[in-house]
Amino acid sequence: MMNPNHSFSAEERLPVRIFLAEDDVDDQELLIEAMAMHLPGATVQVASNGKKALTILLSLPDYELPTLIIVDYNLPEVNGSEILKALNAEPRFASIPKLVWSTSNSSLYRQICLDLGARAYFVKPSDIKGIERMAREMLALSDLVPSS
């Protein structure tokens, strides 16, 4: 019988799958490395444009749905808010935390994304330490690591 007071470590939980929609290869690599520092063992699936991101996400079977979805706002073909809108039409994505990150600090973009269900809108930091802090905050907001 399982102890009801037992808290599960990251290793005991289901596999963590992060989906990242980002067209900039450097940003992809920096964020993936920063996520791995805080959550080793997580897998990250990447799509380099919004249309490809939607195609991949909508075709995933339920047992392969990501634990967290992160989208860049300014993606080619389909932008971050359009991805959020499309995912809102699919009930199976309702419980998955969605985060947006962007080089744009537009309050309009931020509000649109929050209204479409993003848990947060992040402005991309300009240095590696900032990306590491942001990755930790993203994971904490998504309940994947304890908040600091």
C-alpha atoms as a PDB file:
ATOM      1  CA  MET A   1       0.000   0.000   0.000  1.00  0.00           C
ATOM      2  CA  MET A   2       1.301   3.436  -0.945  1.00  0.00           C
ATOM      3  CA  ASN A   3       1.971   5.961   1.779  1.00  0.00           C
ATOM      4  CA  PRO A   4      -0.552   8.807   1.237  1.00  0.00           C
ATOM      5  CA  ASN A   5       1.988  11.325   2.560  1.00  0.00           C
ATOM      6  CA  HIS A   6       4.648  10.289   0.053  1.00  0.00           C
ATOM      7  CA  SER A   7       5.584  13.048  -2.365  1.00  0.00           C
ATOM      8  CA  PHE A   8       6.852  11.898  -5.707  1.00  0.00           C
ATOM      9  CA  SER A   9      10.271  12.893  -6.913  1.00  0.00           C
ATOM     10  CA  ALA A  10      10.715  13.968 -10.522  1.00  0.00           C
ATOM     11  CA  GLU A  11      12.163  10.532 -11.290  1.00  0.00           C
ATOM     12  CA  GLU A  12       9.026   8.765 -10.010  1.00  0.00           C
ATOM     13  CA  ARG A  13       6.572  10.813 -12.056  1.00  0.00           C
ATOM     14  CA  LEU A  14       5.464  10.128 -15.562  1.00  0.00           C
ATOM     15  CA  PRO A  15       7.982  11.217 -18.170  1.00  0.00           C
ATOM     16  CA  VAL A  16       8.081  14.965 -18.621  1.00  0.00           C
ATOM     17  CA  ARG A  17       7.544  15.968 -22.235  1.00  0.00           C
ATOM     18  CA  ILE A  18       8.069  19.583 -23.187  1.00  0.00           C
ATOM     19  CA  PHE A  19       6.914  20.854 -26.554  1.00  0.00           C
ATOM     20  CA  LEU A  20       8.744  23.924 -27.834  1.00  0.00           C
ATOM     21  CA  ALA A  21       7.616  25.917 -30.869  1.00  0.00           C
ATOM     22  CA  GLU A  22      10.577  28.166 -31.705  1.00  0.00           C
ATOM     23  CA  ASP A  23      12.082  29.148 -35.059  1.00  0.00           C
ATOM     24  CA  ASP A  24      15.429  30.459 -33.782  1.00  0.00           C
ATOM     25  CA  VAL A  25      17.895  27.564 -33.397  1.00  0.00           C
ATOM     26  CA  ASP A  26      20.052  29.442 -30.871  1.00  0.00           C
ATOM     27  CA  ASP A  27      17.005  30.187 -28.690  1.00  0.00           C
ATOM     28  CA  GLN A  28      15.937  26.533 -28.965  1.00  0.00           C
ATOM     29  CA  GLU A  29      19.319  25.306 -27.763  1.00  0.00           C
ATOM     30  CA  LEU A  30      19.649  27.850 -24.967  1.00  0.00           C
ATOM     31  CA  LEU A  31      16.200  27.111 -23.551  1.00  0.00           C
ATOM     32  CA  ILE A  32      16.594  23.337 -23.859  1.00  0.00           C
ATOM     33  CA  GLU A  33      19.958  23.475 -22.029  1.00  0.00           C
ATOM     34  CA  ALA A  34      18.489  25.696 -19.311  1.00  0.00           C
ATOM     35  CA  MET A  35      15.486  23.374 -18.869  1.00  0.00           C
ATOM     36  CA  ALA A  36      17.810  20.365 -18.600  1.00  0.00           C
ATOM     37  CA  MET A  37      19.699  22.055 -15.741  1.00  0.00           C
ATOM     38  CA  HIS A  38      16.511  22.181 -13.692  1.00  0.00           C
ATOM     39  CA  LEU A  39      14.761  19.062 -14.969  1.00  0.00           C
ATOM     40  CA  PRO A  40      17.217  16.443 -16.196  1.00  0.00           C
ATOM     41  CA  GLY A  41      15.566  13.620 -18.067  1.00  0.00           C
ATOM     42  CA  ALA A  42      12.806  15.717 -19.595  1.00  0.00           C
ATOM     43  CA  THR A  43      12.393  15.305 -23.321  1.00  0.00           C
ATOM     44  CA  VAL A  44      11.890  18.323 -25.542  1.00  0.00           C
ATOM     45  CA  GLN A  45      10.200  18.118 -28.919  1.00  0.00           C
ATOM     46  CA  VAL A  46      10.756  21.120 -31.163  1.00  0.00           C
ATOM     47  CA  ALA A  47       8.850  22.590 -34.085  1.00  0.00           C
ATOM     48  CA  SER A  48      10.427  25.415 -36.073  1.00  0.00           C
ATOM     49  CA  ASN A  49       7.232  27.121 -37.225  1.00  0.00           C
ATOM     50  CA  GLY A  50       3.669  27.528 -36.026  1.00  0.00           C
ATOM     51  CA  LYS A  51       2.022  25.444 -38.724  1.00  0.00           C
ATOM     52  CA  LYS A  52       4.371  22.520 -38.062  1.00  0.00           C
ATOM     53  CA  ALA A  53       3.787  22.917 -34.297  1.00  0.00           C
ATOM     54  CA  LEU A  54       0.021  22.621 -34.717  1.00  0.00           C
ATOM     55  CA  THR A  55       0.332  19.668 -37.076  1.00  0.00           C
ATOM     56  CA  ILE A  56       2.525  17.796 -34.593  1.00  0.00           C
ATOM     57  CA  LEU A  57       0.482  18.664 -31.489  1.00  0.00           C
ATOM     58  CA  LEU A  58      -2.889  17.840 -33.034  1.00  0.00           C
ATOM     59  CA  SER A  59      -1.618  14.497 -34.338  1.00  0.00           C
ATOM     60  CA  LEU A  60      -0.195  13.281 -31.013  1.00  0.00           C
ATOM     61  CA  PRO A  61      -2.040  10.428 -29.328  1.00  0.00           C
ATOM     62  CA  ASP A  62      -3.299  11.232 -25.832  1.00  0.00           C
ATOM     63  CA  TYR A  63      -0.591   9.142 -24.172  1.00  0.00           C
ATOM     64  CA  GLU A  64       2.120  11.259 -25.867  1.00  0.00           C
ATOM     65  CA  LEU A  65       0.698  14.705 -25.111  1.00  0.00           C
ATOM     66  CA  PRO A  66       3.261  17.107 -23.692  1.00  0.00           C
ATOM     67  CA  THR A  67       3.440  18.014 -20.021  1.00  0.00           C
ATOM     68  CA  LEU A  68       4.209  21.625 -20.975  1.00  0.00           C
ATOM     69  CA  ILE A  69       3.836  23.654 -24.181  1.00  0.00           C
ATOM     70  CA  ILE A  70       6.065  26.679 -24.819  1.00  0.00           C
ATOM     71  CA  VAL A  71       5.542  28.794 -27.928  1.00  0.00           C
ATOM     72  CA  ASP A  72       7.369  31.749 -29.355  1.00  0.00           C
ATOM     73  CA  TYR A  73       4.907  34.517 -30.170  1.00  0.00           C
ATOM     74  CA  ASN A  74       6.530  35.503 -33.474  1.00  0.00           C
ATOM     75  CA  LEU A  75       6.570  32.207 -35.358  1.00  0.00           C
ATOM     76  CA  PRO A  76       6.459  31.880 -39.142  1.00  0.00           C
ATOM     77  CA  GLU A  77       3.154  30.782 -40.725  1.00  0.00           C
ATOM     78  CA  VAL A  78       1.079  30.617 -37.519  1.00  0.00           C
ATOM     79  CA  ASN A  79       1.912  32.832 -34.525  1.00  0.00           C
ATOM     80  CA  GLY A  80       1.780  31.957 -30.835  1.00  0.00           C
ATOM     81  CA  SER A  81      -1.687  33.390 -30.222  1.00  0.00           C
ATOM     82  CA  GLU A  82      -3.086  31.443 -33.164  1.00  0.00           C
ATOM     83  CA  ILE A  83      -1.580  28.250 -31.741  1.00  0.00           C
ATOM     84  CA  LEU A  84      -3.207  28.962 -28.357  1.00  0.00           C
ATOM     85  CA  LYS A  85      -6.546  29.595 -30.052  1.00  0.00           C
ATOM     86  CA  ALA A  86      -6.349  26.304 -31.991  1.00  0.00           C
ATOM     87  CA  LEU A  87      -5.388  24.350 -28.856  1.00  0.00           C
ATOM     88  CA  ASN A  88      -8.321  25.902 -26.966  1.00  0.00           C
ATOM     89  CA  ALA A  89     -10.644  24.222 -29.456  1.00  0.00           C
ATOM     90  CA  GLU A  90      -9.277  20.831 -28.392  1.00  0.00           C
ATOM     91  CA  PRO A  91     -10.429  19.785 -24.881  1.00  0.00           C
ATOM     92  CA  ARG A  92      -7.536  17.334 -24.492  1.00  0.00           C
ATOM     93  CA  PHE A  93      -5.112  20.289 -24.269  1.00  0.00           C
ATOM     94  CA  ALA A  94      -7.101  22.128 -21.577  1.00  0.00           C
ATOM     95  CA  SER A  95      -5.075  20.891 -18.603  1.00  0.00           C
ATOM     96  CA  ILE A  96      -1.654  21.298 -20.221  1.00  0.00           C
ATOM     97  CA  PRO A  97       0.169  24.472 -19.115  1.00  0.00           C
ATOM     98  CA  LYS A  98       0.943  26.761 -22.034  1.00  0.00           C
ATOM     99  CA  LEU A  99       3.598  29.479 -21.891  1.00  0.00           C
ATOM    100  CA  VAL A 100       4.552  32.104 -24.446  1.00  0.00           C
ATOM    101  CA  TRP A 101       7.960  33.680 -24.828  1.00  0.00           C
ATOM    102  CA  SER A 102       8.941  36.391 -27.236  1.00  0.00           C
ATOM    103  CA  THR A 103      11.434  39.108 -28.029  1.00  0.00           C
ATOM    104  CA  SER A 104       8.455  41.480 -28.029  1.00  0.00           C
ATOM    105  CA  ASN A 105       7.487  43.234 -24.821  1.00  0.00           C
ATOM    106  CA  SER A 106       4.127  44.232 -26.322  1.00  0.00           C
ATOM    107  CA  SER A 107       1.436  44.567 -23.658  1.00  0.00           C
ATOM    108  CA  LEU A 108      -1.133  43.820 -26.400  1.00  0.00           C
ATOM    109  CA  TYR A 109       0.526  40.500 -27.323  1.00  0.00           C
ATOM    110  CA  ARG A 110       0.862  39.642 -23.641  1.00  0.00           C
ATOM    111  CA  GLN A 111      -2.834  40.306 -22.955  1.00  0.00           C
ATOM    112  CA  ILE A 112      -3.988  38.384 -26.038  1.00  0.00           C
ATOM    113  CA  CYS A 113      -1.965  35.332 -24.970  1.00  0.00           C
ATOM    114  CA  LEU A 114      -3.137  35.474 -21.354  1.00  0.00           C
ATOM    115  CA  ASP A 115      -6.741  35.828 -22.556  1.00  0.00           C
ATOM    116  CA  LEU A 116      -6.222  32.728 -24.707  1.00  0.00           C
ATOM    117  CA  GLY A 117      -5.121  30.680 -21.703  1.00  0.00           C
ATOM    118  CA  ALA A 118      -1.353  31.092 -21.526  1.00  0.00           C
ATOM    119  CA  ARG A 119      -0.190  30.822 -17.915  1.00  0.00           C
ATOM    120  CA  ALA A 120       2.443  33.465 -18.556  1.00  0.00           C
ATOM    121  CA  TYR A 121       4.101  35.565 -21.227  1.00  0.00           C
ATOM    122  CA  PHE A 122       7.879  35.888 -20.960  1.00  0.00           C
ATOM    123  CA  VAL A 123      10.166  38.338 -22.699  1.00  0.00           C
ATOM    124  CA  LYS A 124      13.307  36.520 -23.830  1.00  0.00           C
ATOM    125  CA  PRO A 125      16.289  37.468 -21.689  1.00  0.00           C
ATOM    126  CA  SER A 126      19.429  38.717 -23.402  1.00  0.00           C
ATOM    127  CA  ASP A 127      21.906  36.597 -21.430  1.00  0.00           C
ATOM    128  CA  ILE A 128      22.349  32.964 -20.409  1.00  0.00           C
ATOM    129  CA  LYS A 129      21.801  33.612 -16.684  1.00  0.00           C
ATOM    130  CA  GLY A 130      18.477  35.286 -17.525  1.00  0.00           C
ATOM    131  CA  ILE A 131      17.452  32.308 -19.653  1.00  0.00           C
ATOM    132  CA  GLU A 132      18.367  29.922 -16.826  1.00  0.00           C
ATOM    133  CA  ARG A 133      16.238  31.943 -14.354  1.00  0.00           C
ATOM    134  CA  MET A 134      13.377  32.114 -16.851  1.00  0.00           C
ATOM    135  CA  ALA A 135      13.520  28.350 -17.502  1.00  0.00           C
ATOM    136  CA  ARG A 136      13.278  27.706 -13.754  1.00  0.00           C
ATOM    137  CA  GLU A 137      10.312  30.072 -13.492  1.00  0.00           C
ATOM    138  CA  MET A 138       8.617  28.396 -16.481  1.00  0.00           C
ATOM    139  CA  LEU A 139       9.002  24.967 -14.899  1.00  0.00           C
ATOM    140  CA  ALA A 140       7.801  26.231 -11.506  1.00  0.00           C
ATOM    141  CA  LEU A 141       4.721  27.862 -13.072  1.00  0.00           C
ATOM    142  CA  SER A 142       3.964  24.533 -14.693  1.00  0.00           C
ATOM    143  CA  ASP A 143       4.379  22.635 -11.407  1.00  0.00           C
ATOM    144  CA  LEU A 144       7.299  20.636 -12.805  1.00  0.00           C
ATOM    145  CA  VAL A 145       9.809  21.898 -10.226  1.00  0.00           C
ATOM    146  CA  PRO A 146       9.213  23.498  -6.836  1.00  0.00           C
ATOM    147  CA  SER A 147       9.053  27.273  -6.896  1.00  0.00           C
ATOM    148  CA  SER A 148      12.108  28.871  -5.363  1.00  0.00           C
END
